[in-house]
């Protein structure tokens, strides 16, 4: 099951591309060999910061609850990548499934305005 992530543009975005399944073997003499066990990166991370009104903060919290805290995958709207060039967007693999990595953090700035910090992880599901 996939849950919609709100169509909001973040004020800050950090993307980490993920890792490949590799294993490095070291010999006693110091020689090493690295083996690649898959052709796709996984566990990419997307950190998003939003400054939102109460209605949009509610949408983010509802997405967390609807996905059961990361049990269900997320459908990310294009607004999450607003301001990112197509060349850079192409570096975000489409074969990955985005999930909540942790609970969203809500900081009240003043009445009706909050800073919401979100951390998503992209998994390579079988």
PDB file of N, CA and C in Angstrom:
ATOM      1  N   UNK A   1       0.845  -1.182   0.000  1.00  0.00           N
ATOM      2  CA  UNK A   1       0.000   0.000   0.000  1.00  0.00           C
ATOM      3  C   UNK A   1       0.887   1.241   0.000  1.00  0.00           C
ATOM      4  N   UNK A   2       0.481   2.230  -0.746  1.00  0.00           N
ATOM      5  CA  UNK A   2       1.222   3.483  -0.825  1.00  0.00           C
ATOM      6  C   UNK A   2       0.351   4.627  -0.316  1.00  0.00           C
ATOM      7  N   UNK A   3       0.956   5.519   0.443  1.00  0.00           N
ATOM      8  CA  UNK A   3       0.281   6.667   1.039  1.00  0.00           C
ATOM      9  C   UNK A   3       0.834   7.930   0.385  1.00  0.00           C
ATOM     10  N   UNK A   4      -0.023   8.890   0.132  1.00  0.00           N
ATOM     11  CA  UNK A   4       0.413  10.148  -0.469  1.00  0.00           C
ATOM     12  C   UNK A   4       1.118  11.027   0.552  1.00  0.00           C
ATOM     13  N   UNK A   5       2.246  11.570   0.140  1.00  0.00           N
ATOM     14  CA  UNK A   5       2.942  12.582   0.923  1.00  0.00           C
ATOM     15  C   UNK A   5       2.363  13.923   0.489  1.00  0.00           C
ATOM     16  N   UNK A   6       2.168  14.865   1.396  1.00  0.00           N
ATOM     17  CA  UNK A   6       1.554  16.149   1.014  1.00  0.00           C
ATOM     18  C   UNK A   6       2.333  16.890  -0.073  1.00  0.00           C
ATOM     19  N   UNK A   7       1.615  17.563  -0.932  1.00  0.00           N
ATOM     20  CA  UNK A   7       2.210  18.330  -2.030  1.00  0.00           C
ATOM     21  C   UNK A   7       2.683  19.678  -1.504  1.00  0.00           C
ATOM     22  N   UNK A   8       3.758  19.650  -0.734  1.00  0.00           N
ATOM     23  CA  UNK A   8       4.336  20.853  -0.143  1.00  0.00           C
ATOM     24  C   UNK A   8       5.783  20.997  -0.587  1.00  0.00           C
ATOM     25  N   UNK A   9       6.213  22.245  -0.749  1.00  0.00           N
ATOM     26  CA  UNK A   9       7.605  22.517  -1.114  1.00  0.00           C
ATOM     27  C   UNK A   9       8.396  22.794   0.155  1.00  0.00           C
ATOM     28  N   UNK A  10       9.486  22.076   0.365  1.00  0.00           N
ATOM     29  CA  UNK A  10      10.280  22.304   1.574  1.00  0.00           C
ATOM     30  C   UNK A  10      11.078  23.599   1.485  1.00  0.00           C
ATOM     31  N   UNK A  11      11.423  24.130   2.650  1.00  0.00           N
ATOM     32  CA  UNK A  11      12.293  25.304   2.695  1.00  0.00           C
ATOM     33  C   UNK A  11      13.751  24.877   2.664  1.00  0.00           C
ATOM     34  N   UNK A  12      13.989  23.611   2.990  1.00  0.00           N
ATOM     35  CA  UNK A  12      15.343  23.056   2.962  1.00  0.00           C
ATOM     36  C   UNK A  12      15.251  21.577   2.635  1.00  0.00           C
ATOM     37  N   UNK A  13      16.219  21.109   1.859  1.00  0.00           N
ATOM     38  CA  UNK A  13      16.215  19.706   1.420  1.00  0.00           C
ATOM     39  C   UNK A  13      17.643  19.195   1.424  1.00  0.00           C
ATOM     40  N   UNK A  14      17.839  17.984   1.983  1.00  0.00           N
ATOM     41  CA  UNK A  14      19.141  17.326   1.960  1.00  0.00           C
ATOM     42  C   UNK A  14      18.934  15.920   1.424  1.00  0.00           C
ATOM     43  N   UNK A  15      19.678  15.569   0.390  1.00  0.00           N
ATOM     44  CA  UNK A  15      19.566  14.247  -0.224  1.00  0.00           C
ATOM     45  C   UNK A  15      20.877  13.507  -0.086  1.00  0.00           C
ATOM     46  N   UNK A  16      20.809  12.268   0.372  1.00  0.00           N
ATOM     47  CA  UNK A  16      21.964  11.374   0.428  1.00  0.00           C
ATOM     48  C   UNK A  16      21.651  10.208  -0.493  1.00  0.00           C
ATOM     49  N   UNK A  17      22.487   9.906  -1.495  1.00  0.00           N
ATOM     50  CA  UNK A  17      22.124   8.975  -2.564  1.00  0.00           C
ATOM     51  C   UNK A  17      22.003   7.502  -2.209  1.00  0.00           C
ATOM     52  N   UNK A  18      22.476   7.064  -1.087  1.00  0.00           N
ATOM     53  CA  UNK A  18      22.337   5.642  -0.748  1.00  0.00           C
ATOM     54  C   UNK A  18      23.614   4.865  -1.025  1.00  0.00           C
ATOM     55  N   UNK A  19      23.601   3.608  -0.608  1.00  0.00           N
ATOM     56  CA  UNK A  19      24.789   2.759  -0.687  1.00  0.00           C
ATOM     57  C   UNK A  19      24.547   1.557  -1.585  1.00  0.00           C
ATOM     58  N   UNK A  20      25.623   0.992  -2.064  1.00  0.00           N
ATOM     59  CA  UNK A  20      25.578  -0.258  -2.824  1.00  0.00           C
ATOM     60  C   UNK A  20      25.995  -1.388  -1.891  1.00  0.00           C
ATOM     61  N   UNK A  21      25.460  -2.564  -2.121  1.00  0.00           N
ATOM     62  CA  UNK A  21      25.812  -3.727  -1.308  1.00  0.00           C
ATOM     63  C   UNK A  21      27.198  -4.203  -1.718  1.00  0.00           C
ATOM     64  N   UNK A  22      28.181  -3.835  -0.919  1.00  0.00           N
ATOM     65  CA  UNK A  22      29.566  -4.239  -1.179  1.00  0.00           C
ATOM     66  C   UNK A  22      30.167  -4.825   0.090  1.00  0.00           C
ATOM     67  N   UNK A  23      31.195  -5.591  -0.100  1.00  0.00           N
ATOM     68  CA  UNK A  23      31.943  -6.172   1.023  1.00  0.00           C
ATOM     69  C   UNK A  23      33.406  -6.147   0.651  1.00  0.00           C
ATOM     70  N   UNK A  24      34.205  -5.595   1.556  1.00  0.00           N
ATOM     71  CA  UNK A  24      35.640  -5.529   1.335  1.00  0.00           C
ATOM     72  C   UNK A  24      36.301  -6.650   2.141  1.00  0.00           C
ATOM     73  N   UNK A  25      37.152  -7.392   1.479  1.00  0.00           N
ATOM     74  CA  UNK A  25      37.894  -8.473   2.114  1.00  0.00           C
ATOM     75  C   UNK A  25      39.365  -8.074   2.164  1.00  0.00           C
ATOM     76  N   UNK A  26      39.967  -8.178   3.329  1.00  0.00           N
ATOM     77  CA  UNK A  26      41.380  -7.824   3.521  1.00  0.00           C
ATOM     78  C   UNK A  26      42.196  -9.075   3.815  1.00  0.00           C
ATOM     79  N   UNK A  27      43.295  -9.207   3.117  1.00  0.00           N
ATOM     80  CA  UNK A  27      44.224 -10.318   3.369  1.00  0.00           C
ATOM     81  C   UNK A  27      45.212  -9.906   4.457  1.00  0.00           C
ATOM     82  N   UNK A  28      45.888 -10.871   5.006  1.00  0.00           N
ATOM     83  CA  UNK A  28      46.879 -10.619   6.055  1.00  0.00           C
ATOM     84  C   UNK A  28      47.995  -9.712   5.535  1.00  0.00           C
ATOM     85  N   UNK A  29      48.358  -9.849   4.263  1.00  0.00           N
ATOM     86  CA  UNK A  29      49.452  -9.046   3.710  1.00  0.00           C
ATOM     87  C   UNK A  29      49.019  -7.628   3.335  1.00  0.00           C
ATOM     88  N   UNK A  30      47.749  -7.283   3.573  1.00  0.00           N
ATOM     89  CA  UNK A  30      47.271  -5.932   3.289  1.00  0.00           C
ATOM     90  C   UNK A  30      46.541  -5.780   1.969  1.00  0.00           C
ATOM     91  N   UNK A  31      46.626  -6.792   1.113  1.00  0.00           N
ATOM     92  CA  UNK A  31      45.889  -6.735  -0.154  1.00  0.00           C
ATOM     93  C   UNK A  31      44.395  -6.826   0.147  1.00  0.00           C
ATOM     94  N   UNK A  32      43.595  -6.205  -0.697  1.00  0.00           N
ATOM     95  CA  UNK A  32      42.149  -6.255  -0.471  1.00  0.00           C
ATOM     96  C   UNK A  32      41.406  -6.437  -1.782  1.00  0.00           C
ATOM     97  N   UNK A  33      40.193  -6.906  -1.650  1.00  0.00           N
ATOM     98  CA  UNK A  33      39.302  -7.063  -2.795  1.00  0.00           C
ATOM     99  C   UNK A  33      37.908  -6.650  -2.327  1.00  0.00           C
ATOM    100  N   UNK A  34      37.216  -5.939  -3.182  1.00  0.00           N
ATOM    101  CA  UNK A  34      35.856  -5.516  -2.870  1.00  0.00           C
ATOM    102  C   UNK A  34      34.898  -6.205  -3.822  1.00  0.00           C
ATOM    103  N   UNK A  35      33.854  -6.780  -3.265  1.00  0.00           N
ATOM    104  CA  UNK A  35      32.829  -7.456  -4.070  1.00  0.00           C
ATOM    105  C   UNK A  35      31.553  -6.644  -4.045  1.00  0.00           C
ATOM    106  N   UNK A  36      30.912  -6.591  -5.185  1.00  0.00           N
ATOM    107  CA  UNK A  36      29.633  -5.910  -5.341  1.00  0.00           C
ATOM    108  C   UNK A  36      28.540  -6.970  -5.370  1.00  0.00           C
ATOM    109  N   UNK A  37      27.558  -6.864  -4.481  1.00  0.00           N
ATOM    110  CA  UNK A  37      26.508  -7.877  -4.375  1.00  0.00           C
ATOM    111  C   UNK A  37      25.166  -7.425  -4.927  1.00  0.00           C
ATOM    112  N   UNK A  38      25.128  -6.319  -5.602  1.00  0.00           N
ATOM    113  CA  UNK A  38      23.891  -5.847  -6.211  1.00  0.00           C
ATOM    114  C   UNK A  38      24.191  -4.670  -7.110  1.00  0.00           C
ATOM    115  N   UNK A  39      23.291  -4.387  -8.020  1.00  0.00           N
ATOM    116  CA  UNK A  39      23.536  -3.317  -8.988  1.00  0.00           C
ATOM    117  C   UNK A  39      22.747  -2.046  -8.689  1.00  0.00           C
ATOM    118  N   UNK A  40      22.040  -2.027  -7.549  1.00  0.00           N
ATOM    119  CA  UNK A  40      21.214  -0.863  -7.234  1.00  0.00           C
ATOM    120  C   UNK A  40      21.555  -0.320  -5.852  1.00  0.00           C
ATOM    121  N   UNK A  41      21.587   1.006  -5.770  1.00  0.00           N
ATOM    122  CA  UNK A  41      21.804   1.660  -4.477  1.00  0.00           C
ATOM    123  C   UNK A  41      20.509   1.584  -3.664  1.00  0.00           C
ATOM    124  N   UNK A  42      20.660   1.611  -2.342  1.00  0.00           N
ATOM    125  CA  UNK A  42      19.498   1.542  -1.463  1.00  0.00           C
ATOM    126  C   UNK A  42      19.764   2.399  -0.229  1.00  0.00           C
ATOM    127  N   UNK A  43      18.743   2.587   0.566  1.00  0.00           N
ATOM    128  CA  UNK A  43      18.802   3.404   1.780  1.00  0.00           C
ATOM    129  C   UNK A  43      19.211   4.848   1.501  1.00  0.00           C
ATOM    130  N   UNK A  44      18.725   5.377   0.382  1.00  0.00           N
ATOM    131  CA  UNK A  44      18.907   6.810   0.139  1.00  0.00           C
ATOM    132  C   UNK A  44      18.119   7.550   1.218  1.00  0.00           C
ATOM    133  N   UNK A  45      18.514   8.780   1.482  1.00  0.00           N
ATOM    134  CA  UNK A  45      17.847   9.537   2.537  1.00  0.00           C
ATOM    135  C   UNK A  45      17.471  10.918   2.030  1.00  0.00           C
ATOM    136  N   UNK A  46      16.317  11.372   2.449  1.00  0.00           N
ATOM    137  CA  UNK A  46      15.827  12.695   2.088  1.00  0.00           C
ATOM    138  C   UNK A  46      15.378  13.369   3.377  1.00  0.00           C
ATOM    139  N   UNK A  47      16.065  14.462   3.710  1.00  0.00           N
ATOM    140  CA  UNK A  47      15.676  15.265   4.883  1.00  0.00           C
ATOM    141  C   UNK A  47      15.013  16.532   4.365  1.00  0.00           C
ATOM    142  N   UNK A  48      13.842  16.803   4.895  1.00  0.00           N
ATOM    143  CA  UNK A  48      13.059  17.943   4.440  1.00  0.00           C
ATOM    144  C   UNK A  48      12.667  18.807   5.628  1.00  0.00           C
ATOM    145  N   UNK A  49      12.790  20.109   5.472  1.00  0.00           N
ATOM    146  CA  UNK A  49      12.312  21.064   6.474  1.00  0.00           C
ATOM    147  C   UNK A  49      11.204  21.887   5.841  1.00  0.00           C
ATOM    148  N   UNK A  50      10.142  22.068   6.589  1.00  0.00           N
ATOM    149  CA  UNK A  50       9.002  22.861   6.140  1.00  0.00           C
ATOM    150  C   UNK A  50       8.698  23.922   7.191  1.00  0.00           C
ATOM    151  N   UNK A  51       8.306  25.097   6.752  1.00  0.00           N
ATOM    152  CA  UNK A  51       7.719  26.101   7.630  1.00  0.00           C
ATOM    153  C   UNK A  51       6.285  26.230   7.141  1.00  0.00           C
ATOM    154  N   UNK A  52       5.358  25.789   7.994  1.00  0.00           N
ATOM    155  CA  UNK A  52       3.978  25.625   7.551  1.00  0.00           C
ATOM    156  C   UNK A  52       2.981  26.212   8.539  1.00  0.00           C
ATOM    157  N   UNK A  53       1.784  26.424   8.017  1.00  0.00           N
ATOM    158  CA  UNK A  53       0.652  26.767   8.865  1.00  0.00           C
ATOM    159  C   UNK A  53       0.084  25.490   9.460  1.00  0.00           C
ATOM    160  N   UNK A  54      -0.875  25.656  10.339  1.00  0.00           N
ATOM    161  CA  UNK A  54      -1.443  24.499  11.021  1.00  0.00           C
ATOM    162  C   UNK A  54      -2.071  23.489  10.064  1.00  0.00           C
ATOM    163  N   UNK A  55      -2.701  23.953   8.997  1.00  0.00           N
ATOM    164  CA  UNK A  55      -3.361  23.034   8.049  1.00  0.00           C
ATOM    165  C   UNK A  55      -2.333  22.130   7.365  1.00  0.00           C
ATOM    166  N   UNK A  56      -1.219  22.701   6.910  1.00  0.00           N
ATOM    167  CA  UNK A  56      -0.197  21.895   6.235  1.00  0.00           C
ATOM    168  C   UNK A  56       0.569  21.014   7.217  1.00  0.00           C
ATOM    169  N   UNK A  57       0.757  21.504   8.441  1.00  0.00           N
ATOM    170  CA  UNK A  57       1.381  20.666   9.468  1.00  0.00           C
ATOM    171  C   UNK A  57       0.516  19.442   9.727  1.00  0.00           C
ATOM    172  N   UNK A  58      -0.782  19.643   9.751  1.00  0.00           N
ATOM    173  CA  UNK A  58      -1.715  18.531   9.930  1.00  0.00           C
ATOM    174  C   UNK A  58      -1.589  17.528   8.798  1.00  0.00           C
ATOM    175  N   UNK A  59      -1.425  18.004   7.560  1.00  0.00           N
ATOM    176  CA  UNK A  59      -1.264  17.102   6.409  1.00  0.00           C
ATOM    177  C   UNK A  59      -0.016  16.226   6.570  1.00  0.00           C
ATOM    178  N   UNK A  60       1.068  16.810   7.037  1.00  0.00           N
ATOM    179  CA  UNK A  60       2.301  16.041   7.241  1.00  0.00           C
ATOM    180  C   UNK A  60       2.111  14.989   8.334  1.00  0.00           C
ATOM    181  N   UNK A  61       1.478  15.365   9.421  1.00  0.00           N
ATOM    182  CA  UNK A  61       1.241  14.415  10.503  1.00  0.00           C
ATOM    183  C   UNK A  61       0.273  13.310  10.072  1.00  0.00           C
ATOM    184  N   UNK A  62      -0.724  13.664   9.275  1.00  0.00           N
ATOM    185  CA  UNK A  62      -1.655  12.650   8.765  1.00  0.00           C
ATOM    186  C   UNK A  62      -0.932  11.652   7.865  1.00  0.00           C
ATOM    187  N   UNK A  63       0.021  12.127   7.058  1.00  0.00           N
ATOM    188  CA  UNK A  63       0.790  11.226   6.201  1.00  0.00           C
ATOM    189  C   UNK A  63       1.575  10.233   7.057  1.00  0.00           C
ATOM    190  N   UNK A  64       2.169  10.717   8.137  1.00  0.00           N
ATOM    191  CA  UNK A  64       2.894   9.842   9.066  1.00  0.00           C
ATOM    192  C   UNK A  64       1.963   8.758   9.622  1.00  0.00           C
ATOM    193  N   UNK A  65       0.806   9.190  10.099  1.00  0.00           N
ATOM    194  CA  UNK A  65      -0.139   8.247  10.696  1.00  0.00           C
ATOM    195  C   UNK A  65      -0.726   7.293   9.651  1.00  0.00           C
ATOM    196  N   UNK A  66      -1.055   7.806   8.474  1.00  0.00           N
ATOM    197  CA  UNK A  66      -1.641   6.960   7.430  1.00  0.00           C
ATOM    198  C   UNK A  66      -0.664   5.901   6.931  1.00  0.00           C
ATOM    199  N   UNK A  67       0.630   6.216   6.979  1.00  0.00           N
ATOM    200  CA  UNK A  67       1.631   5.237   6.542  1.00  0.00           C
ATOM    201  C   UNK A  67       2.027   4.293   7.674  1.00  0.00           C
ATOM    202  N   UNK A  68       1.373   4.460   8.822  1.00  0.00           N
ATOM    203  CA  UNK A  68       1.649   3.629  10.007  1.00  0.00           C
ATOM    204  C   UNK A  68       3.118   3.708  10.395  1.00  0.00           C
ATOM    205  N   UNK A  69       3.637   4.930  10.362  1.00  0.00           N
ATOM    206  CA  UNK A  69       4.996   5.153  10.814  1.00  0.00           C
ATOM    207  C   UNK A  69       6.067   4.560   9.932  1.00  0.00           C
ATOM    208  N   UNK A  70       5.804   4.410   8.675  1.00  0.00           N
ATOM    209  CA  UNK A  70       6.805   3.875   7.755  1.00  0.00           C
ATOM    210  C   UNK A  70       6.530   2.454   7.309  1.00  0.00           C
ATOM    211  N   UNK A  71       5.442   1.859   7.795  1.00  0.00           N
ATOM    212  CA  UNK A  71       5.099   0.502   7.357  1.00  0.00           C
ATOM    213  C   UNK A  71       4.683   0.496   5.889  1.00  0.00           C
ATOM    214  N   UNK A  72       4.026   1.576   5.453  1.00  0.00           N
ATOM    215  CA  UNK A  72       3.592   1.686   4.062  1.00  0.00           C
ATOM    216  C   UNK A  72       4.502   2.666   3.325  1.00  0.00           C
ATOM    217  N   UNK A  73       4.638   2.462   2.034  1.00  0.00           N
ATOM    218  CA  UNK A  73       5.476   3.345   1.226  1.00  0.00           C
ATOM    219  C   UNK A  73       4.759   4.667   0.964  1.00  0.00           C
ATOM    220  N   UNK A  74       5.533   5.645   0.535  1.00  0.00           N
ATOM    221  CA  UNK A  74       5.010   6.980   0.241  1.00  0.00           C
ATOM    222  C   UNK A  74       5.094   7.275  -1.252  1.00  0.00           C
ATOM    223  N   UNK A  75       4.127   7.992  -1.742  1.00  0.00           N
ATOM    224  CA  UNK A  75       4.169   8.537  -3.091  1.00  0.00           C
ATOM    225  C   UNK A  75       4.566  10.001  -2.943  1.00  0.00           C
ATOM    226  N   UNK A  76       5.756  10.348  -3.433  1.00  0.00           N
ATOM    227  CA  UNK A  76       6.234  11.724  -3.306  1.00  0.00           C
ATOM    228  C   UNK A  76       5.761  12.565  -4.482  1.00  0.00           C
ATOM    229  N   UNK A  77       5.131  13.707  -4.216  1.00  0.00           N
ATOM    230  CA  UNK A  77       4.704  14.598  -5.295  1.00  0.00           C
ATOM    231  C   UNK A  77       5.885  15.412  -5.824  1.00  0.00           C
ATOM    232  N   UNK A  78       5.720  15.994  -6.980  1.00  0.00           N
ATOM    233  CA  UNK A  78       6.805  16.775  -7.590  1.00  0.00           C
ATOM    234  C   UNK A  78       7.163  18.004  -6.759  1.00  0.00           C
ATOM    235  N   UNK A  79       6.232  18.506  -5.944  1.00  0.00           N
ATOM    236  CA  UNK A  79       6.495  19.694  -5.125  1.00  0.00           C
ATOM    237  C   UNK A  79       7.658  19.485  -4.151  1.00  0.00           C
ATOM    238  N   UNK A  80       7.905  18.248  -3.756  1.00  0.00           N
ATOM    239  CA  UNK A  80       9.014  17.954  -2.842  1.00  0.00           C
ATOM    240  C   UNK A  80      10.343  18.344  -3.484  1.00  0.00           C
ATOM    241  N   UNK A  81      10.398  18.320  -4.814  1.00  0.00           N
ATOM    242  CA  UNK A  81      11.638  18.632  -5.534  1.00  0.00           C
ATOM    243  C   UNK A  81      11.570  19.974  -6.259  1.00  0.00           C
ATOM    244  N   UNK A  82      10.671  20.854  -5.842  1.00  0.00           N
ATOM    245  CA  UNK A  82      10.569  22.184  -6.441  1.00  0.00           C
ATOM    246  C   UNK A  82      11.906  22.906  -6.338  1.00  0.00           C
ATOM    247  N   UNK A  83      12.355  23.466  -7.464  1.00  0.00           N
ATOM    248  CA  UNK A  83      13.607  24.206  -7.495  1.00  0.00           C
ATOM    249  C   UNK A  83      14.821  23.359  -7.815  1.00  0.00           C
ATOM    250  N   UNK A  84      14.645  22.046  -7.964  1.00  0.00           N
ATOM    251  CA  UNK A  84      15.753  21.146  -8.285  1.00  0.00           C
ATOM    252  C   UNK A  84      15.779  20.947  -9.800  1.00  0.00           C
ATOM    253  N   UNK A  85      16.957  21.047 -10.405  1.00  0.00           N
ATOM    254  CA  UNK A  85      17.070  20.866 -11.849  1.00  0.00           C
ATOM    255  C   UNK A  85      16.748  19.423 -12.231  1.00  0.00           C
ATOM    256  N   UNK A  86      16.351  19.220 -13.469  1.00  0.00           N
ATOM    257  CA  UNK A  86      16.021  17.880 -13.951  1.00  0.00           C
ATOM    258  C   UNK A  86      17.231  16.952 -13.883  1.00  0.00           C
ATOM    259  N   UNK A  87      18.424  17.497 -14.164  1.00  0.00           N
ATOM    260  CA  UNK A  87      19.649  16.678 -14.086  1.00  0.00           C
ATOM    261  C   UNK A  87      19.841  16.110 -12.687  1.00  0.00           C
ATOM    262  N   UNK A  88      19.574  16.930 -11.678  1.00  0.00           N
ATOM    263  CA  UNK A  88      19.720  16.468 -10.303  1.00  0.00           C
ATOM    264  C   UNK A  88      18.586  15.516  -9.923  1.00  0.00           C
ATOM    265  N   UNK A  89      17.370  15.801 -10.358  1.00  0.00           N
ATOM    266  CA  UNK A  89      16.237  14.898 -10.090  1.00  0.00           C
ATOM    267  C   UNK A  89      16.493  13.522 -10.671  1.00  0.00           C
ATOM    268  N   UNK A  90      17.175  13.471 -11.806  1.00  0.00           N
ATOM    269  CA  UNK A  90      17.482  12.185 -12.446  1.00  0.00           C
ATOM    270  C   UNK A  90      18.426  11.330 -11.605  1.00  0.00           C
ATOM    271  N   UNK A  91      19.089  11.929 -10.632  1.00  0.00           N
ATOM    272  CA  UNK A  91      19.996  11.183  -9.749  1.00  0.00           C
ATOM    273  C   UNK A  91      19.262  10.500  -8.594  1.00  0.00           C
ATOM    274  N   UNK A  92      17.971  10.782  -8.457  1.00  0.00           N
ATOM    275  CA  UNK A  92      17.145  10.126  -7.431  1.00  0.00           C
ATOM    276  C   UNK A  92      16.519   8.900  -8.085  1.00  0.00           C
ATOM    277  N   UNK A  93      16.968   7.701  -7.727  1.00  0.00           N
ATOM    278  CA  UNK A  93      16.482   6.486  -8.395  1.00  0.00           C
ATOM    279  C   UNK A  93      14.968   6.313  -8.258  1.00  0.00           C
ATOM    280  N   UNK A  94      14.339   5.953  -9.354  1.00  0.00           N
ATOM    281  CA  UNK A  94      12.884   5.756  -9.347  1.00  0.00           C
ATOM    282  C   UNK A  94      12.498   4.360  -8.875  1.00  0.00           C
ATOM    283  N   UNK A  95      13.453   3.447  -8.764  1.00  0.00           N
ATOM    284  CA  UNK A  95      13.140   2.081  -8.332  1.00  0.00           C
ATOM    285  C   UNK A  95      13.033   1.960  -6.812  1.00  0.00           C
ATOM    286  N   UNK A  96      13.380   3.007  -6.090  1.00  0.00           N
ATOM    287  CA  UNK A  96      13.325   2.962  -4.634  1.00  0.00           C
ATOM    288  C   UNK A  96      11.933   3.313  -4.119  1.00  0.00           C
ATOM    289  N   UNK A  97      11.611   2.792  -2.952  1.00  0.00           N
ATOM    290  CA  UNK A  97      10.334   3.068  -2.289  1.00  0.00           C
ATOM    291  C   UNK A  97      10.580   3.928  -1.056  1.00  0.00           C
ATOM    292  N   UNK A  98       9.979   5.121  -1.050  1.00  0.00           N
ATOM    293  CA  UNK A  98      10.193   6.057   0.050  1.00  0.00           C
ATOM    294  C   UNK A  98       9.298   5.704   1.222  1.00  0.00           C
ATOM    295  N   UNK A  99       9.871   5.813   2.421  1.00  0.00           N
ATOM    296  CA  UNK A  99       9.153   5.561   3.682  1.00  0.00           C
ATOM    297  C   UNK A  99       9.611   6.594   4.713  1.00  0.00           C
ATOM    298  N   UNK A 100       8.791   6.769   5.734  1.00  0.00           N
ATOM    299  CA  UNK A 100       9.212   7.579   6.865  1.00  0.00           C
ATOM    300  C   UNK A 100      10.346   6.846   7.566  1.00  0.00           C
ATOM    301  N   UNK A 101      11.459   7.527   7.841  1.00  0.00           N
ATOM    302  CA  UNK A 101      12.574   6.937   8.574  1.00  0.00           C
ATOM    303  C   UNK A 101      12.403   7.138  10.076  1.00  0.00           C
ATOM    304  N   UNK A 102      11.694   8.202  10.433  1.00  0.00           N
ATOM    305  CA  UNK A 102      11.440   8.504  11.837  1.00  0.00           C
ATOM    306  C   UNK A 102      10.228   9.422  11.924  1.00  0.00           C
ATOM    307  N   UNK A 103       9.771   9.613  13.133  1.00  0.00           N
ATOM    308  CA  UNK A 103       8.625  10.492  13.343  1.00  0.00           C
ATOM    309  C   UNK A 103       8.974  11.919  12.928  1.00  0.00           C
ATOM    310  N   UNK A 104       8.003  12.648  12.371  1.00  0.00           N
ATOM    311  CA  UNK A 104       8.264  14.056  12.067  1.00  0.00           C
ATOM    312  C   UNK A 104       8.422  14.842  13.369  1.00  0.00           C
ATOM    313  N   UNK A 105       9.217  15.884  13.302  1.00  0.00           N
ATOM    314  CA  UNK A 105       9.449  16.747  14.454  1.00  0.00           C
ATOM    315  C   UNK A 105       8.776  18.094  14.180  1.00  0.00           C
ATOM    316  N   UNK A 106       7.922  18.520  15.093  1.00  0.00           N
ATOM    317  CA  UNK A 106       7.179  19.773  14.924  1.00  0.00           C
ATOM    318  C   UNK A 106       7.621  20.761  15.997  1.00  0.00           C
ATOM    319  N   UNK A 107       8.108  21.910  15.555  1.00  0.00           N
ATOM    320  CA  UNK A 107       8.528  22.976  16.462  1.00  0.00           C
ATOM    321  C   UNK A 107       7.612  24.174  16.228  1.00  0.00           C
ATOM    322  N   UNK A 108       6.927  24.615  17.260  1.00  0.00           N
ATOM    323  CA  UNK A 108       6.052  25.786  17.143  1.00  0.00           C
ATOM    324  C   UNK A 108       6.901  27.046  17.115  1.00  0.00           C
ATOM    325  N   UNK A 109       6.743  27.835  16.059  1.00  0.00           N
ATOM    326  CA  UNK A 109       7.498  29.083  15.928  1.00  0.00           C
ATOM    327  C   UNK A 109       6.748  30.237  16.572  1.00  0.00           C
ATOM    328  N   UNK A 110       5.461  30.328  16.268  1.00  0.00           N
ATOM    329  CA  UNK A 110       4.536  31.267  16.877  1.00  0.00           C
ATOM    330  C   UNK A 110       3.139  30.761  16.544  1.00  0.00           C
ATOM    331  N   UNK A 111       2.091  31.308  17.132  1.00  0.00           N
ATOM    332  CA  UNK A 111       0.751  30.741  16.915  1.00  0.00           C
ATOM    333  C   UNK A 111       0.420  30.580  15.425  1.00  0.00           C
ATOM    334  N   UNK A 112       0.042  29.354  15.062  1.00  0.00           N
ATOM    335  CA  UNK A 112      -0.362  29.067  13.693  1.00  0.00           C
ATOM    336  C   UNK A 112       0.781  28.780  12.733  1.00  0.00           C
ATOM    337  N   UNK A 113       2.016  28.785  13.218  1.00  0.00           N
ATOM    338  CA  UNK A 113       3.178  28.573  12.351  1.00  0.00           C
ATOM    339  C   UNK A 113       4.131  27.586  13.006  1.00  0.00           C
ATOM    340  N   UNK A 114       4.587  26.587  12.234  1.00  0.00           N
ATOM    341  CA  UNK A 114       5.477  25.561  12.764  1.00  0.00           C
ATOM    342  C   UNK A 114       6.597  25.247  11.791  1.00  0.00           C
ATOM    343  N   UNK A 115       7.681  24.754  12.350  1.00  0.00           N
ATOM    344  CA  UNK A 115       8.764  24.191  11.543  1.00  0.00           C
ATOM    345  C   UNK A 115       8.652  22.681  11.713  1.00  0.00           C
ATOM    346  N   UNK A 116       8.522  21.981  10.578  1.00  0.00           N
ATOM    347  CA  UNK A 116       8.392  20.531  10.609  1.00  0.00           C
ATOM    348  C   UNK A 116       9.612  19.931   9.927  1.00  0.00           C
ATOM    349  N   UNK A 117      10.286  19.032  10.625  1.00  0.00           N
ATOM    350  CA  UNK A 117      11.444  18.340  10.070  1.00  0.00           C
ATOM    351  C   UNK A 117      11.065  16.884   9.806  1.00  0.00           C
ATOM    352  N   UNK A 118      11.391  16.455   8.591  1.00  0.00           N
ATOM    353  CA  UNK A 118      11.002  15.133   8.118  1.00  0.00           C
ATOM    354  C   UNK A 118      12.255  14.405   7.631  1.00  0.00           C
ATOM    355  N   UNK A 119      12.348  13.120   7.956  1.00  0.00           N
ATOM    356  CA  UNK A 119      13.440  12.290   7.424  1.00  0.00           C
ATOM    357  C   UNK A 119      12.817  11.063   6.785  1.00  0.00           C
ATOM    358  N   UNK A 120      13.077  10.910   5.485  1.00  0.00           N
ATOM    359  CA  UNK A 120      12.569   9.788   4.718  1.00  0.00           C
ATOM    360  C   UNK A 120      13.734   8.901   4.284  1.00  0.00           C
ATOM    361  N   UNK A 121      13.471   7.613   4.147  1.00  0.00           N
ATOM    362  CA  UNK A 121      14.473   6.672   3.673  1.00  0.00           C
ATOM    363  C   UNK A 121      13.880   5.928   2.475  1.00  0.00           C
ATOM    364  N   UNK A 122      14.718   5.662   1.486  1.00  0.00           N
ATOM    365  CA  UNK A 122      14.267   4.952   0.286  1.00  0.00           C
ATOM    366  C   UNK A 122      14.786   3.535   0.332  1.00  0.00           C
ATOM    367  N   UNK A 123      13.876   2.597   0.358  1.00  0.00           N
ATOM    368  CA  UNK A 123      14.247   1.185   0.492  1.00  0.00           C
ATOM    369  C   UNK A 123      14.141   0.456  -0.841  1.00  0.00           C
ATOM    370  N   UNK A 124      14.912  -0.581  -0.942  1.00  0.00           N
ATOM    371  CA  UNK A 124      14.896  -1.436  -2.128  1.00  0.00           C
ATOM    372  C   UNK A 124      14.114  -2.675  -1.730  1.00  0.00           C
ATOM    373  N   UNK A 125      12.798  -2.626  -1.929  1.00  0.00           N
ATOM    374  CA  UNK A 125      11.921  -3.711  -1.505  1.00  0.00           C
ATOM    375  C   UNK A 125      11.904  -4.831  -2.524  1.00  0.00           C
ATOM    376  N   UNK A 126      11.822  -6.054  -2.030  1.00  0.00           N
ATOM    377  CA  UNK A 126      11.788  -7.239  -2.890  1.00  0.00           C
ATOM    378  C   UNK A 126      10.420  -7.418  -3.498  1.00  0.00           C
TER     379      UNK A 126
END
